[in-house]
C-alpha cells in the first residue's frame, strides 16, 4: 500500500471514530473513556492540534476542541456531560496522570 492510500484510510478511520463518539454515542462520557481506555475526546482534539502544529498550522486548544466537537467545548459539556461520581473523578486523576501527565490545578 502506498503512503497516500494509507493516509487516506487512516483519515477515514479517524473520521469514523469521531462520528461514532460525537454522533452515535455522545452519551459515553469523557471520564469513562479516560478511565477505561486512557484517552477521551479531549485527547483526540489535542492530538488534532498537535498534528496541525506539526504541519505549521497555529491552532489554539479551544480551536482544536471546536474542530473536533463541532461546537464550542462549553456548549458540548452543557448538552452532553453529566456529573461524575467522586469515585470516577479519583479514577480519572490516576488515568490522566498515567496517560497524559500531571493534572493542572
N, C-alpha and C. Protein backbone atom coordinates (compact mmCIF):
# COMPACT_ATOMS: atom_id res chain seq x y z
N UNK A 1 0.85 -1.17 0.00
CA UNK A 1 0.00 0.00 0.00
C UNK A 1 0.90 1.24 0.00
N UNK A 2 0.55 2.20 -0.83
CA UNK A 2 1.36 3.42 -0.89
C UNK A 2 0.97 4.37 0.26
N UNK A 3 1.85 5.33 0.51
CA UNK A 3 1.65 6.26 1.64
C UNK A 3 0.37 7.07 1.52
N UNK A 4 0.05 7.51 0.31
CA UNK A 4 -1.17 8.32 0.11
C UNK A 4 -2.41 7.51 0.47
N UNK A 5 -2.49 6.29 0.02
CA UNK A 5 -3.64 5.45 0.31
C UNK A 5 -3.73 5.16 1.80
N UNK A 6 -2.59 4.85 2.43
CA UNK A 6 -2.58 4.59 3.87
C UNK A 6 -3.08 5.81 4.64
N UNK A 7 -2.61 7.00 4.25
CA UNK A 7 -3.05 8.24 4.91
C UNK A 7 -4.55 8.45 4.73
N UNK A 8 -5.06 8.19 3.55
CA UNK A 8 -6.50 8.33 3.29
C UNK A 8 -7.31 7.35 4.13
N UNK A 9 -6.83 6.13 4.27
CA UNK A 9 -7.52 5.14 5.10
C UNK A 9 -7.48 5.53 6.57
N UNK A 10 -6.33 5.99 7.03
CA UNK A 10 -6.21 6.44 8.42
C UNK A 10 -7.14 7.63 8.68
N UNK A 11 -7.21 8.56 7.75
CA UNK A 11 -8.09 9.72 7.91
C UNK A 11 -9.55 9.28 7.93
N UNK A 12 -9.92 8.32 7.09
CA UNK A 12 -11.29 7.82 7.08
C UNK A 12 -11.63 7.13 8.40
N UNK A 13 -10.68 6.37 8.94
CA UNK A 13 -10.91 5.70 10.23
C UNK A 13 -11.06 6.73 11.34
N UNK A 14 -10.26 7.79 11.32
CA UNK A 14 -10.38 8.86 12.31
C UNK A 14 -11.74 9.53 12.22
N UNK A 15 -12.18 9.85 10.98
CA UNK A 15 -13.49 10.48 10.82
C UNK A 15 -14.60 9.57 11.33
N UNK A 16 -14.45 8.28 11.11
CA UNK A 16 -15.46 7.33 11.60
C UNK A 16 -15.47 7.28 13.13
N UNK A 17 -14.29 7.29 13.75
CA UNK A 17 -14.20 7.32 15.21
C UNK A 17 -14.84 8.60 15.74
N UNK A 18 -14.52 9.72 15.12
CA UNK A 18 -15.10 10.99 15.56
C UNK A 18 -16.62 10.95 15.45
N UNK A 19 -17.15 10.48 14.34
CA UNK A 19 -18.59 10.39 14.15
C UNK A 19 -19.21 9.46 15.19
N UNK A 20 -18.55 8.35 15.46
CA UNK A 20 -19.06 7.40 16.44
C UNK A 20 -19.17 8.06 17.82
N UNK A 21 -18.12 8.78 18.23
CA UNK A 21 -18.11 9.40 19.55
C UNK A 21 -19.00 10.63 19.63
N UNK A 22 -19.12 11.37 18.54
CA UNK A 22 -19.84 12.64 18.60
C UNK A 22 -21.31 12.51 18.21
N UNK A 23 -21.63 11.60 17.29
CA UNK A 23 -22.99 11.49 16.77
C UNK A 23 -23.68 10.24 17.30
N UNK A 24 -23.02 9.11 17.16
CA UNK A 24 -23.64 7.84 17.54
C UNK A 24 -23.67 7.63 19.05
N UNK A 25 -22.62 8.05 19.77
CA UNK A 25 -22.51 7.77 21.20
C UNK A 25 -22.10 8.99 22.03
N UNK A 26 -22.79 10.11 21.89
CA UNK A 26 -22.44 11.26 22.73
C UNK A 26 -22.73 11.01 24.21
N UNK A 27 -23.49 9.94 24.49
CA UNK A 27 -23.80 9.58 25.87
C UNK A 27 -22.61 9.00 26.61
N UNK A 28 -21.63 8.50 25.89
CA UNK A 28 -20.43 7.96 26.53
C UNK A 28 -19.61 9.14 27.05
N UNK A 29 -19.41 9.17 28.34
CA UNK A 29 -18.75 10.31 28.98
C UNK A 29 -17.23 10.26 28.79
N UNK A 30 -16.63 11.44 28.62
CA UNK A 30 -15.18 11.53 28.50
C UNK A 30 -14.47 10.87 29.67
N UNK A 31 -15.00 11.06 30.87
CA UNK A 31 -14.35 10.50 32.06
C UNK A 31 -14.33 8.97 31.98
N UNK A 32 -15.39 8.37 31.44
CA UNK A 32 -15.43 6.92 31.29
C UNK A 32 -14.44 6.45 30.23
N UNK A 33 -14.33 7.19 29.13
CA UNK A 33 -13.33 6.86 28.11
C UNK A 33 -11.92 6.90 28.70
N UNK A 34 -11.62 7.97 29.43
CA UNK A 34 -10.28 8.11 30.02
C UNK A 34 -10.03 7.00 31.03
N UNK A 35 -11.00 6.73 31.87
CA UNK A 35 -10.80 5.72 32.90
C UNK A 35 -10.63 4.33 32.32
N UNK A 36 -11.31 4.03 31.23
CA UNK A 36 -11.23 2.69 30.64
C UNK A 36 -10.15 2.55 29.57
N UNK A 37 -9.98 3.59 28.76
CA UNK A 37 -9.10 3.46 27.60
C UNK A 37 -7.84 4.32 27.67
N UNK A 38 -7.80 5.25 28.61
CA UNK A 38 -6.61 6.10 28.71
C UNK A 38 -6.60 7.27 27.75
N UNK A 39 -7.73 7.55 27.09
CA UNK A 39 -7.87 8.72 26.24
C UNK A 39 -9.35 9.09 26.18
N UNK A 40 -9.62 10.32 25.73
CA UNK A 40 -11.01 10.76 25.60
C UNK A 40 -11.10 11.72 24.41
N UNK A 41 -12.24 12.32 24.23
CA UNK A 41 -12.44 13.26 23.13
C UNK A 41 -11.46 14.43 23.23
N UNK A 42 -11.18 14.88 24.45
CA UNK A 42 -10.23 15.99 24.60
C UNK A 42 -8.83 15.58 24.15
N UNK A 43 -8.46 14.34 24.39
CA UNK A 43 -7.17 13.85 23.91
C UNK A 43 -7.15 13.87 22.38
N UNK A 44 -8.23 13.40 21.77
CA UNK A 44 -8.30 13.40 20.31
C UNK A 44 -8.19 14.82 19.76
N UNK A 45 -8.84 15.78 20.41
CA UNK A 45 -8.74 17.16 19.93
C UNK A 45 -7.32 17.70 20.14
N UNK A 46 -6.67 17.28 21.23
CA UNK A 46 -5.28 17.70 21.46
C UNK A 46 -4.36 17.10 20.41
N UNK A 47 -4.57 15.83 20.06
CA UNK A 47 -3.76 15.19 19.03
C UNK A 47 -3.98 15.88 17.68
N UNK A 48 -5.21 16.33 17.44
CA UNK A 48 -5.52 17.08 16.22
C UNK A 48 -4.72 18.39 16.21
N UNK A 49 -4.72 19.08 17.35
CA UNK A 49 -3.96 20.33 17.48
C UNK A 49 -2.46 20.07 17.27
N UNK A 50 -1.95 19.00 17.86
CA UNK A 50 -0.53 18.68 17.70
C UNK A 50 -0.19 18.37 16.24
N UNK A 51 -1.09 17.69 15.54
CA UNK A 51 -0.88 17.40 14.11
C UNK A 51 -0.87 18.69 13.30
N UNK A 52 -1.75 19.63 13.67
CA UNK A 52 -1.77 20.92 12.99
C UNK A 52 -0.44 21.64 13.21
N UNK A 53 0.02 21.65 14.45
CA UNK A 53 1.30 22.29 14.77
C UNK A 53 2.43 21.66 13.97
N UNK A 54 2.43 20.34 13.85
CA UNK A 54 3.46 19.64 13.07
C UNK A 54 3.45 20.08 11.61
N UNK A 55 2.30 20.52 11.14
CA UNK A 55 2.17 20.99 9.75
C UNK A 55 2.37 22.50 9.63
N UNK A 56 2.74 23.16 10.73
CA UNK A 56 2.98 24.59 10.72
C UNK A 56 1.71 25.41 10.81
N UNK A 57 0.62 24.80 11.26
CA UNK A 57 -0.66 25.49 11.39
C UNK A 57 -0.87 25.84 12.86
N UNK A 58 -1.03 27.12 13.15
CA UNK A 58 -1.29 27.54 14.53
C UNK A 58 -2.75 27.25 14.85
N UNK A 59 -2.96 26.59 15.99
CA UNK A 59 -4.32 26.27 16.42
C UNK A 59 -4.32 26.24 17.93
N UNK A 60 -5.25 27.00 18.51
CA UNK A 60 -5.35 27.02 19.96
C UNK A 60 -6.08 25.76 20.44
N UNK A 61 -5.98 25.51 21.73
CA UNK A 61 -6.69 24.39 22.35
C UNK A 61 -8.19 24.51 22.09
N UNK A 62 -8.73 25.72 22.24
CA UNK A 62 -10.15 25.95 22.03
C UNK A 62 -10.54 25.71 20.57
N UNK A 63 -9.70 26.16 19.63
CA UNK A 63 -9.98 25.94 18.21
C UNK A 63 -9.96 24.45 17.86
N UNK A 64 -9.01 23.73 18.43
CA UNK A 64 -8.93 22.29 18.18
C UNK A 64 -10.15 21.58 18.74
N UNK A 65 -10.55 21.95 19.93
CA UNK A 65 -11.74 21.33 20.53
C UNK A 65 -12.98 21.62 19.69
N UNK A 66 -13.12 22.86 19.24
CA UNK A 66 -14.29 23.19 18.43
C UNK A 66 -14.26 22.43 17.10
N UNK A 67 -13.09 22.26 16.52
CA UNK A 67 -12.97 21.49 15.28
C UNK A 67 -13.39 20.04 15.52
N UNK A 68 -12.98 19.47 16.64
CA UNK A 68 -13.31 18.08 16.92
C UNK A 68 -14.76 17.92 17.37
N UNK A 69 -15.20 18.76 18.31
CA UNK A 69 -16.54 18.64 18.88
C UNK A 69 -17.62 19.16 17.94
N UNK A 70 -17.25 20.00 16.98
CA UNK A 70 -18.24 20.57 16.07
C UNK A 70 -19.01 21.71 16.69
N UNK A 71 -18.58 22.17 17.83
CA UNK A 71 -19.20 23.28 18.56
C UNK A 71 -18.22 23.67 19.65
N UNK A 72 -18.43 24.84 20.26
CA UNK A 72 -17.57 25.19 21.40
C UNK A 72 -17.67 24.12 22.48
N UNK A 73 -16.55 23.83 23.11
CA UNK A 73 -16.49 22.78 24.12
C UNK A 73 -17.48 23.02 25.25
N UNK A 74 -17.61 24.26 25.70
CA UNK A 74 -18.55 24.55 26.78
C UNK A 74 -19.98 24.19 26.38
N UNK A 75 -20.33 24.41 25.12
CA UNK A 75 -21.68 24.04 24.64
C UNK A 75 -21.84 22.52 24.65
N UNK A 76 -20.80 21.80 24.26
CA UNK A 76 -20.84 20.33 24.28
C UNK A 76 -21.08 19.83 25.71
N UNK A 77 -20.33 20.41 26.66
CA UNK A 77 -20.46 19.98 28.05
C UNK A 77 -21.88 20.19 28.57
N UNK A 78 -22.46 21.34 28.28
CA UNK A 78 -23.82 21.63 28.74
C UNK A 78 -24.80 20.63 28.14
N UNK A 79 -24.61 20.31 26.87
CA UNK A 79 -25.53 19.42 26.15
C UNK A 79 -25.36 17.96 26.54
N UNK A 80 -24.13 17.51 26.81
CA UNK A 80 -23.86 16.07 26.91
C UNK A 80 -23.21 15.58 28.20
N UNK A 81 -22.54 16.43 28.93
CA UNK A 81 -21.76 15.96 30.07
C UNK A 81 -22.62 15.85 31.33
N UNK A 82 -22.46 14.74 32.02
CA UNK A 82 -23.17 14.54 33.28
C UNK A 82 -22.18 14.66 34.44
N UNK A 83 -22.70 14.77 35.63
CA UNK A 83 -21.86 14.86 36.84
C UNK A 83 -21.21 13.51 37.10
N UNK A 84 -19.93 13.53 37.38
CA UNK A 84 -19.20 12.29 37.67
C UNK A 84 -19.13 12.07 39.18
N UNK A 85 -19.22 10.82 39.56
CA UNK A 85 -19.11 10.47 40.97
C UNK A 85 -17.70 10.75 41.49
N UNK A 86 -17.57 10.84 42.79
CA UNK A 86 -16.25 11.02 43.40
C UNK A 86 -15.31 9.89 43.02
N UNK A 87 -15.84 8.66 42.96
CA UNK A 87 -15.02 7.51 42.59
C UNK A 87 -14.49 7.64 41.17
N UNK A 88 -15.35 8.04 40.23
CA UNK A 88 -14.91 8.21 38.84
C UNK A 88 -13.88 9.33 38.74
N UNK A 89 -14.07 10.39 39.52
CA UNK A 89 -13.12 11.51 39.49
C UNK A 89 -11.75 11.07 40.00
N UNK A 90 -11.71 10.23 41.02
CA UNK A 90 -10.44 9.71 41.52
C UNK A 90 -9.77 8.80 40.49
N UNK A 91 -10.57 7.94 39.86
CA UNK A 91 -10.04 7.08 38.80
C UNK A 91 -9.48 7.93 37.66
N UNK A 92 -10.19 9.01 37.34
CA UNK A 92 -9.77 9.90 36.26
C UNK A 92 -8.40 10.51 36.56
N UNK A 93 -8.22 10.97 37.78
CA UNK A 93 -6.93 11.58 38.15
C UNK A 93 -5.79 10.60 37.90
N UNK A 94 -5.99 9.35 38.27
CA UNK A 94 -4.96 8.33 38.07
C UNK A 94 -4.77 8.04 36.58
N UNK A 95 -5.85 7.86 35.85
CA UNK A 95 -5.76 7.57 34.41
C UNK A 95 -5.13 8.72 33.65
N UNK A 96 -5.49 9.94 34.00
CA UNK A 96 -4.93 11.12 33.35
C UNK A 96 -3.43 11.19 33.59
N UNK A 97 -3.03 11.02 34.84
CA UNK A 97 -1.60 11.08 35.18
C UNK A 97 -0.81 10.01 34.43
N UNK A 98 -1.38 8.82 34.32
CA UNK A 98 -0.69 7.72 33.65
C UNK A 98 -0.61 7.90 32.14
N UNK A 99 -1.61 8.54 31.53
CA UNK A 99 -1.71 8.59 30.09
C UNK A 99 -1.43 9.95 29.47
N UNK A 100 -1.59 11.01 30.26
CA UNK A 100 -1.42 12.36 29.71
C UNK A 100 -0.30 13.09 30.45
N UNK A 101 -0.37 13.10 31.76
CA UNK A 101 0.61 13.81 32.57
C UNK A 101 -0.05 14.36 33.81
N UNK A 102 0.68 15.10 34.62
CA UNK A 102 0.09 15.64 35.85
C UNK A 102 -1.06 16.58 35.53
N UNK A 103 -2.09 16.50 36.36
CA UNK A 103 -3.25 17.40 36.22
C UNK A 103 -2.87 18.78 36.71
N UNK A 104 -3.26 19.79 35.95
CA UNK A 104 -3.07 21.17 36.40
C UNK A 104 -4.20 21.50 37.37
N UNK A 105 -3.89 22.22 38.41
CA UNK A 105 -4.92 22.58 39.40
C UNK A 105 -5.79 23.70 38.90
